[in-house]
Amino acid sequence: MIEFVEVQRVKDLLRRFAWRGARLVIDSRSFSLVDLREMRPWLIKPNQGEISEYLGCEITDVEQVAAAAEQLWRAGIENVIVSMGEQGALLACDEGVFTAEAPTVEVCSTDCGRERIRTAVAYGSVACMTRGTRPPNPP
């Protein structure tokens, strides 16, 4: 999570954009459910873990994801897309709740664990040296 002061600045900026007609799209753990309700984004895209955090309970199956996404939609978020890994994704919107299955694919990004962890640590280290919320440059 980014610091409270920075979150407040970002929320204020996003609200100004929304007041001018911008559609807010948020994919961030840096905002709480209260923040999302205040900002009323046009779209959020949490994964199953993030939606569990937002609602304070473990969301484990598609029916629970659907109920949770619909709850967020009823709270004023126009489009709630929840990614569910190999189970696909779910959308709650004013037209209803819809699911899409993920295709079976050959996974390539998990073949080299040693290199992935080295890269992750390198990016994490650079991120710690970067002010604000900008993504770090490649190490």
N, C-alpha and C. Protein backbone atom coordinates (compact mmCIF):
# COMPACT_ATOMS: atom_id res chain seq x y z
N MET A 1 0.84 -1.19 0.00
CA MET A 1 0.00 0.00 0.00
C MET A 1 0.88 1.25 0.00
N ILE A 2 0.45 2.22 -0.74
CA ILE A 2 1.17 3.48 -0.73
C ILE A 2 0.76 4.26 0.51
N GLU A 3 1.56 5.22 0.89
CA GLU A 3 1.29 5.99 2.10
C GLU A 3 -0.05 6.70 2.02
N PHE A 4 -0.67 6.92 3.20
CA PHE A 4 -1.99 7.54 3.30
C PHE A 4 -2.05 8.87 2.56
N VAL A 5 -1.05 9.73 2.74
CA VAL A 5 -1.07 11.05 2.10
C VAL A 5 -1.10 10.90 0.59
N GLU A 6 -0.30 9.97 0.06
CA GLU A 6 -0.28 9.76 -1.38
C GLU A 6 -1.61 9.20 -1.87
N VAL A 7 -2.20 8.27 -1.11
CA VAL A 7 -3.50 7.72 -1.48
C VAL A 7 -4.52 8.84 -1.54
N GLN A 8 -4.50 9.73 -0.56
CA GLN A 8 -5.46 10.84 -0.54
C GLN A 8 -5.27 11.74 -1.75
N ARG A 9 -4.02 12.03 -2.11
CA ARG A 9 -3.75 12.87 -3.28
C ARG A 9 -4.26 12.21 -4.56
N VAL A 10 -4.00 10.91 -4.66
CA VAL A 10 -4.45 10.18 -5.85
C VAL A 10 -5.97 10.16 -5.90
N LYS A 11 -6.62 9.91 -4.77
CA LYS A 11 -8.08 9.92 -4.73
C LYS A 11 -8.63 11.28 -5.15
N ASP A 12 -8.04 12.35 -4.64
CA ASP A 12 -8.49 13.70 -5.00
C ASP A 12 -8.33 13.94 -6.50
N LEU A 13 -7.20 13.54 -7.05
CA LEU A 13 -6.96 13.69 -8.48
C LEU A 13 -7.97 12.88 -9.29
N LEU A 14 -8.20 11.65 -8.89
CA LEU A 14 -9.16 10.80 -9.61
C LEU A 14 -10.57 11.37 -9.54
N ARG A 15 -10.93 11.91 -8.39
CA ARG A 15 -12.26 12.54 -8.26
C ARG A 15 -12.39 13.72 -9.23
N ARG A 16 -11.33 14.52 -9.33
CA ARG A 16 -11.37 15.66 -10.25
C ARG A 16 -11.56 15.19 -11.69
N PHE A 17 -10.86 14.11 -12.06
CA PHE A 17 -11.04 13.56 -13.40
C PHE A 17 -12.49 13.10 -13.59
N ALA A 18 -13.03 12.41 -12.59
CA ALA A 18 -14.40 11.91 -12.68
C ALA A 18 -15.40 13.05 -12.81
N TRP A 19 -15.20 14.12 -12.05
CA TRP A 19 -16.09 15.28 -12.12
C TRP A 19 -16.10 15.89 -13.51
N ARG A 20 -15.00 15.72 -14.23
CA ARG A 20 -14.90 16.28 -15.59
C ARG A 20 -15.34 15.27 -16.65
N GLY A 21 -15.91 14.16 -16.19
CA GLY A 21 -16.47 13.19 -17.13
C GLY A 21 -15.61 11.99 -17.44
N ALA A 22 -14.44 11.88 -16.83
CA ALA A 22 -13.57 10.73 -17.09
C ALA A 22 -14.17 9.47 -16.46
N ARG A 23 -13.99 8.36 -17.11
CA ARG A 23 -14.40 7.07 -16.56
C ARG A 23 -13.19 6.47 -15.86
N LEU A 24 -13.30 6.30 -14.54
CA LEU A 24 -12.18 5.77 -13.77
C LEU A 24 -12.11 4.26 -13.89
N VAL A 25 -10.93 3.76 -14.18
CA VAL A 25 -10.65 2.33 -14.23
C VAL A 25 -9.57 2.07 -13.20
N ILE A 26 -9.87 1.25 -12.20
CA ILE A 26 -8.94 1.05 -11.09
C ILE A 26 -8.60 -0.43 -10.95
N ASP A 27 -7.32 -0.71 -10.96
CA ASP A 27 -6.78 -2.05 -10.73
C ASP A 27 -5.68 -1.89 -9.70
N SER A 28 -6.04 -1.73 -8.44
CA SER A 28 -5.04 -1.40 -7.43
C SER A 28 -5.45 -1.88 -6.06
N ARG A 29 -4.50 -2.46 -5.35
CA ARG A 29 -4.71 -2.82 -3.95
C ARG A 29 -4.49 -1.62 -3.03
N SER A 30 -4.08 -0.52 -3.58
CA SER A 30 -3.79 0.65 -2.77
C SER A 30 -5.03 1.35 -2.27
N PHE A 31 -6.19 0.96 -2.76
CA PHE A 31 -7.44 1.58 -2.34
C PHE A 31 -8.27 0.58 -1.55
N SER A 32 -8.93 1.08 -0.53
CA SER A 32 -9.82 0.25 0.27
C SER A 32 -11.20 0.23 -0.36
N LEU A 33 -12.07 -0.61 0.17
CA LEU A 33 -13.45 -0.63 -0.30
C LEU A 33 -14.12 0.71 -0.06
N VAL A 34 -13.81 1.35 1.06
CA VAL A 34 -14.35 2.68 1.35
C VAL A 34 -13.89 3.66 0.28
N ASP A 35 -12.60 3.61 -0.09
CA ASP A 35 -12.08 4.48 -1.15
C ASP A 35 -12.85 4.27 -2.45
N LEU A 36 -13.04 3.01 -2.81
CA LEU A 36 -13.74 2.70 -4.06
C LEU A 36 -15.17 3.22 -4.04
N ARG A 37 -15.83 3.08 -2.92
CA ARG A 37 -17.20 3.58 -2.81
C ARG A 37 -17.24 5.10 -2.96
N GLU A 38 -16.23 5.78 -2.41
CA GLU A 38 -16.16 7.24 -2.53
C GLU A 38 -15.88 7.68 -3.96
N MET A 39 -14.95 6.99 -4.61
CA MET A 39 -14.54 7.39 -5.96
C MET A 39 -15.52 6.93 -7.04
N ARG A 40 -16.28 5.87 -6.77
CA ARG A 40 -17.26 5.32 -7.71
C ARG A 40 -16.66 5.14 -9.10
N PRO A 41 -15.64 4.31 -9.22
CA PRO A 41 -15.02 4.12 -10.54
C PRO A 41 -15.99 3.45 -11.51
N TRP A 42 -15.72 3.66 -12.78
CA TRP A 42 -16.51 3.04 -13.83
C TRP A 42 -16.21 1.55 -13.90
N LEU A 43 -14.95 1.16 -13.61
CA LEU A 43 -14.55 -0.24 -13.68
C LEU A 43 -13.45 -0.51 -12.66
N ILE A 44 -13.57 -1.66 -11.99
CA ILE A 44 -12.46 -2.17 -11.20
C ILE A 44 -12.20 -3.60 -11.64
N LYS A 45 -10.96 -4.08 -11.44
CA LYS A 45 -10.60 -5.42 -11.86
C LYS A 45 -9.81 -6.14 -10.77
N PRO A 46 -10.47 -6.47 -9.66
CA PRO A 46 -9.75 -7.23 -8.64
C PRO A 46 -9.63 -8.70 -9.04
N ASN A 47 -8.66 -9.39 -8.44
CA ASN A 47 -8.64 -10.84 -8.58
C ASN A 47 -9.38 -11.42 -7.37
N GLN A 48 -9.46 -12.74 -7.28
CA GLN A 48 -10.20 -13.36 -6.19
C GLN A 48 -9.66 -12.97 -4.83
N GLY A 49 -8.35 -12.92 -4.70
CA GLY A 49 -7.74 -12.53 -3.43
C GLY A 49 -8.06 -11.10 -3.04
N GLU A 50 -8.02 -10.20 -4.01
CA GLU A 50 -8.30 -8.79 -3.74
C GLU A 50 -9.77 -8.57 -3.37
N ILE A 51 -10.68 -9.25 -4.05
CA ILE A 51 -12.08 -9.06 -3.71
C ILE A 51 -12.37 -9.65 -2.32
N SER A 52 -11.65 -10.71 -1.96
CA SER A 52 -11.76 -11.26 -0.60
C SER A 52 -11.31 -10.22 0.43
N GLU A 53 -10.20 -9.54 0.13
CA GLU A 53 -9.70 -8.49 1.02
C GLU A 53 -10.69 -7.33 1.13
N TYR A 54 -11.25 -6.91 0.00
CA TYR A 54 -12.22 -5.81 0.02
C TYR A 54 -13.40 -6.13 0.93
N LEU A 55 -13.88 -7.37 0.86
CA LEU A 55 -15.09 -7.72 1.60
C LEU A 55 -14.82 -8.38 2.94
N GLY A 56 -13.56 -8.65 3.24
CA GLY A 56 -13.21 -9.18 4.55
C GLY A 56 -13.62 -10.63 4.78
N CYS A 57 -13.74 -11.40 3.70
CA CYS A 57 -14.05 -12.82 3.84
C CYS A 57 -13.45 -13.57 2.65
N GLU A 58 -13.19 -14.86 2.86
CA GLU A 58 -12.57 -15.64 1.80
C GLU A 58 -13.60 -15.97 0.72
N ILE A 59 -13.28 -15.62 -0.50
CA ILE A 59 -14.12 -15.89 -1.66
C ILE A 59 -13.44 -17.03 -2.42
N THR A 60 -14.10 -18.21 -2.48
CA THR A 60 -13.42 -19.38 -3.02
C THR A 60 -14.03 -19.97 -4.28
N ASP A 61 -15.32 -19.75 -4.53
CA ASP A 61 -15.92 -20.37 -5.71
C ASP A 61 -16.65 -19.32 -6.55
N VAL A 62 -17.06 -19.74 -7.73
CA VAL A 62 -17.65 -18.81 -8.70
C VAL A 62 -18.91 -18.16 -8.15
N GLU A 63 -19.73 -18.91 -7.42
CA GLU A 63 -20.96 -18.34 -6.85
C GLU A 63 -20.64 -17.23 -5.86
N GLN A 64 -19.62 -17.43 -5.04
CA GLN A 64 -19.21 -16.40 -4.08
C GLN A 64 -18.63 -15.19 -4.81
N VAL A 65 -17.86 -15.43 -5.86
CA VAL A 65 -17.31 -14.33 -6.65
C VAL A 65 -18.46 -13.53 -7.25
N ALA A 66 -19.46 -14.20 -7.78
CA ALA A 66 -20.60 -13.52 -8.39
C ALA A 66 -21.32 -12.65 -7.36
N ALA A 67 -21.56 -13.20 -6.17
CA ALA A 67 -22.24 -12.44 -5.12
C ALA A 67 -21.41 -11.25 -4.68
N ALA A 68 -20.09 -11.44 -4.54
CA ALA A 68 -19.20 -10.35 -4.13
C ALA A 68 -19.14 -9.25 -5.19
N ALA A 69 -19.01 -9.65 -6.46
CA ALA A 69 -18.96 -8.67 -7.54
C ALA A 69 -20.27 -7.89 -7.63
N GLU A 70 -21.37 -8.58 -7.46
CA GLU A 70 -22.67 -7.90 -7.50
C GLU A 70 -22.80 -6.93 -6.32
N GLN A 71 -22.25 -7.30 -5.16
CA GLN A 71 -22.29 -6.40 -4.01
C GLN A 71 -21.52 -5.11 -4.31
N LEU A 72 -20.35 -5.23 -4.94
CA LEU A 72 -19.58 -4.05 -5.30
C LEU A 72 -20.30 -3.22 -6.36
N TRP A 73 -20.95 -3.90 -7.30
CA TRP A 73 -21.72 -3.19 -8.32
C TRP A 73 -22.85 -2.40 -7.66
N ARG A 74 -23.54 -3.01 -6.71
CA ARG A 74 -24.63 -2.33 -6.01
C ARG A 74 -24.13 -1.15 -5.18
N ALA A 75 -22.84 -1.19 -4.82
CA ALA A 75 -22.24 -0.09 -4.06
C ALA A 75 -21.89 1.10 -4.96
N GLY A 76 -22.14 0.99 -6.27
CA GLY A 76 -21.93 2.12 -7.15
C GLY A 76 -20.80 1.98 -8.15
N ILE A 77 -20.16 0.82 -8.22
CA ILE A 77 -19.11 0.60 -9.21
C ILE A 77 -19.77 -0.01 -10.44
N GLU A 78 -19.76 0.70 -11.55
CA GLU A 78 -20.54 0.30 -12.72
C GLU A 78 -20.16 -1.05 -13.31
N ASN A 79 -18.88 -1.36 -13.32
CA ASN A 79 -18.39 -2.62 -13.90
C ASN A 79 -17.36 -3.23 -12.96
N VAL A 80 -17.62 -4.45 -12.53
CA VAL A 80 -16.70 -5.17 -11.66
C VAL A 80 -16.28 -6.43 -12.40
N ILE A 81 -15.02 -6.48 -12.80
CA ILE A 81 -14.48 -7.65 -13.47
C ILE A 81 -13.52 -8.33 -12.50
N VAL A 82 -13.81 -9.59 -12.18
CA VAL A 82 -12.97 -10.34 -11.24
C VAL A 82 -12.23 -11.41 -12.02
N SER A 83 -10.90 -11.35 -11.98
CA SER A 83 -10.11 -12.39 -12.63
C SER A 83 -9.97 -13.56 -11.66
N MET A 84 -10.17 -14.78 -12.21
CA MET A 84 -10.17 -15.98 -11.38
C MET A 84 -9.17 -17.01 -11.86
N GLY A 85 -8.06 -16.55 -12.43
CA GLY A 85 -7.02 -17.47 -12.88
C GLY A 85 -7.54 -18.45 -13.92
N GLU A 86 -7.23 -19.70 -13.73
CA GLU A 86 -7.63 -20.71 -14.70
C GLU A 86 -9.13 -20.91 -14.79
N GLN A 87 -9.88 -20.36 -13.82
CA GLN A 87 -11.35 -20.45 -13.88
C GLN A 87 -11.95 -19.35 -14.76
N GLY A 88 -11.14 -18.43 -15.25
CA GLY A 88 -11.63 -17.39 -16.14
C GLY A 88 -11.86 -16.07 -15.44
N ALA A 89 -12.96 -15.41 -15.77
CA ALA A 89 -13.27 -14.10 -15.21
C ALA A 89 -14.77 -13.94 -15.11
N LEU A 90 -15.18 -12.95 -14.33
CA LEU A 90 -16.60 -12.68 -14.11
C LEU A 90 -16.82 -11.18 -14.19
N LEU A 91 -17.93 -10.78 -14.77
CA LEU A 91 -18.31 -9.37 -14.88
C LEU A 91 -19.66 -9.17 -14.23
N ALA A 92 -19.75 -8.19 -13.32
CA ALA A 92 -21.03 -7.72 -12.79
C ALA A 92 -21.22 -6.30 -13.29
N CYS A 93 -22.38 -6.04 -13.95
CA CYS A 93 -22.67 -4.73 -14.51
C CYS A 93 -24.19 -4.54 -14.53
N ASP A 94 -24.64 -3.44 -15.08
CA ASP A 94 -26.08 -3.18 -15.08
C ASP A 94 -26.87 -4.16 -15.94
N GLU A 95 -26.20 -4.90 -16.83
CA GLU A 95 -26.87 -5.89 -17.66
C GLU A 95 -26.96 -7.25 -17.01
N GLY A 96 -26.25 -7.44 -15.88
CA GLY A 96 -26.28 -8.73 -15.18
C GLY A 96 -24.90 -9.18 -14.77
N VAL A 97 -24.80 -10.47 -14.49
CA VAL A 97 -23.53 -11.09 -14.10
C VAL A 97 -23.18 -12.12 -15.16
N PHE A 98 -21.96 -12.02 -15.69
CA PHE A 98 -21.53 -12.88 -16.78
C PHE A 98 -20.18 -13.50 -16.44
N THR A 99 -19.97 -14.73 -16.91
CA THR A 99 -18.68 -15.39 -16.71
C THR A 99 -18.08 -15.75 -18.07
N ALA A 100 -16.77 -15.89 -18.08
CA ALA A 100 -16.06 -16.36 -19.26
C ALA A 100 -15.00 -17.34 -18.79
N GLU A 101 -14.94 -18.48 -19.44
CA GLU A 101 -13.93 -19.48 -19.09
C GLU A 101 -12.60 -19.10 -19.73
N ALA A 102 -11.52 -19.44 -19.04
CA ALA A 102 -10.19 -19.20 -19.59
C ALA A 102 -9.82 -20.37 -20.49
N PRO A 103 -9.21 -20.08 -21.63
CA PRO A 103 -8.77 -21.19 -22.49
C PRO A 103 -7.61 -21.93 -21.85
N THR A 104 -7.47 -23.18 -22.19
CA THR A 104 -6.31 -23.95 -21.74
C THR A 104 -5.12 -23.51 -22.58
N VAL A 105 -4.07 -23.08 -21.92
CA VAL A 105 -2.89 -22.59 -22.62
C VAL A 105 -1.64 -23.26 -22.08
N GLU A 106 -0.61 -23.25 -22.87
CA GLU A 106 0.68 -23.73 -22.41
C GLU A 106 1.31 -22.61 -21.59
N VAL A 107 1.58 -22.89 -20.33
CA VAL A 107 2.15 -21.88 -19.45
C VAL A 107 3.64 -21.82 -19.67
N CYS A 108 4.14 -20.64 -20.03
CA CYS A 108 5.56 -20.47 -20.30
C CYS A 108 6.26 -19.65 -19.22
N SER A 109 5.52 -18.84 -18.50
CA SER A 109 6.16 -17.91 -17.57
C SER A 109 6.53 -18.55 -16.24
N THR A 110 6.28 -19.84 -16.05
CA THR A 110 6.66 -20.47 -14.78
C THR A 110 7.75 -21.51 -14.97
N ASP A 111 8.38 -21.57 -16.13
CA ASP A 111 9.39 -22.58 -16.42
C ASP A 111 10.71 -22.36 -15.70
N CYS A 112 11.02 -21.15 -15.32
CA CYS A 112 12.36 -20.87 -14.80
C CYS A 112 12.26 -20.14 -13.47
N GLY A 113 11.98 -20.88 -12.41
CA GLY A 113 11.77 -20.32 -11.09
C GLY A 113 12.93 -19.49 -10.58
N ARG A 114 14.15 -19.96 -10.77
CA ARG A 114 15.32 -19.24 -10.26
C ARG A 114 15.40 -17.85 -10.90
N GLU A 115 15.19 -17.75 -12.21
CA GLU A 115 15.28 -16.47 -12.89
C GLU A 115 14.11 -15.56 -12.49
N ARG A 116 12.92 -16.13 -12.33
CA ARG A 116 11.76 -15.32 -11.92
C ARG A 116 11.98 -14.69 -10.56
N ILE A 117 12.48 -15.47 -9.60
CA ILE A 117 12.67 -14.91 -8.25
C ILE A 117 13.77 -13.86 -8.26
N ARG A 118 14.82 -14.06 -9.04
CA ARG A 118 15.87 -13.04 -9.15
C ARG A 118 15.32 -11.75 -9.74
N THR A 119 14.52 -11.88 -10.80
CA THR A 119 13.93 -10.70 -11.44
C THR A 119 12.96 -10.01 -10.48
N ALA A 120 12.16 -10.79 -9.77
CA ALA A 120 11.20 -10.21 -8.81
C ALA A 120 11.92 -9.43 -7.72
N VAL A 121 13.00 -9.99 -7.19
CA VAL A 121 13.75 -9.30 -6.14
C VAL A 121 14.41 -8.04 -6.70
N ALA A 122 14.93 -8.12 -7.92
CA ALA A 122 15.55 -6.95 -8.53
C ALA A 122 14.52 -5.83 -8.71
N TYR A 123 13.35 -6.15 -9.25
CA TYR A 123 12.31 -5.13 -9.43
C TYR A 123 11.84 -4.59 -8.08
N GLY A 124 11.65 -5.49 -7.12
CA GLY A 124 11.22 -5.04 -5.79
C GLY A 124 12.23 -4.11 -5.16
N SER A 125 13.51 -4.42 -5.33
CA SER A 125 14.56 -3.57 -4.77
C SER A 125 14.56 -2.19 -5.43
N VAL A 126 14.41 -2.16 -6.76
CA VAL A 126 14.38 -0.89 -7.47
C VAL A 126 13.12 -0.12 -7.09
N ALA A 127 11.98 -0.81 -6.91
CA ALA A 127 10.74 -0.15 -6.52
C ALA A 127 10.88 0.54 -5.17
N CYS A 128 11.64 -0.06 -4.26
CA CYS A 128 11.86 0.54 -2.95
C CYS A 128 12.67 1.83 -3.04
N MET A 129 13.42 1.98 -4.11
CA MET A 129 14.24 3.18 -4.29
C MET A 129 13.55 4.22 -5.16
N THR A 130 12.31 3.94 -5.59
CA THR A 130 11.57 4.82 -6.47
C THR A 130 10.51 5.57 -5.68
N ARG A 131 10.50 6.89 -5.77
CA ARG A 131 9.50 7.70 -5.05
C ARG A 131 8.13 7.54 -5.68
N GLY A 132 7.12 7.63 -4.86
CA GLY A 132 5.74 7.63 -5.34
C GLY A 132 5.28 6.29 -5.85
N THR A 133 4.39 6.33 -6.83
CA THR A 133 3.76 5.10 -7.31
C THR A 133 4.18 4.73 -8.72
N ARG A 134 5.21 5.40 -9.23
CA ARG A 134 5.69 5.07 -10.58
C ARG A 134 6.30 3.68 -10.58
N PRO A 135 6.10 2.92 -11.66
CA PRO A 135 6.77 1.63 -11.75
C PRO A 135 8.27 1.86 -11.97
N PRO A 136 9.09 0.98 -11.45
CA PRO A 136 10.54 1.16 -11.65
C PRO A 136 10.94 0.83 -13.07
N ASN A 137 12.07 1.38 -13.48
CA ASN A 137 12.65 1.02 -14.77
C ASN A 137 13.30 -0.36 -14.62
N PRO A 138 13.43 -1.11 -15.70
CA PRO A 138 14.06 -2.42 -15.58
C PRO A 138 15.46 -2.30 -14.99
N PRO A 139 15.81 -3.23 -14.06
CA PRO A 139 17.14 -3.17 -13.43
C PRO A 139 18.23 -3.52 -14.41
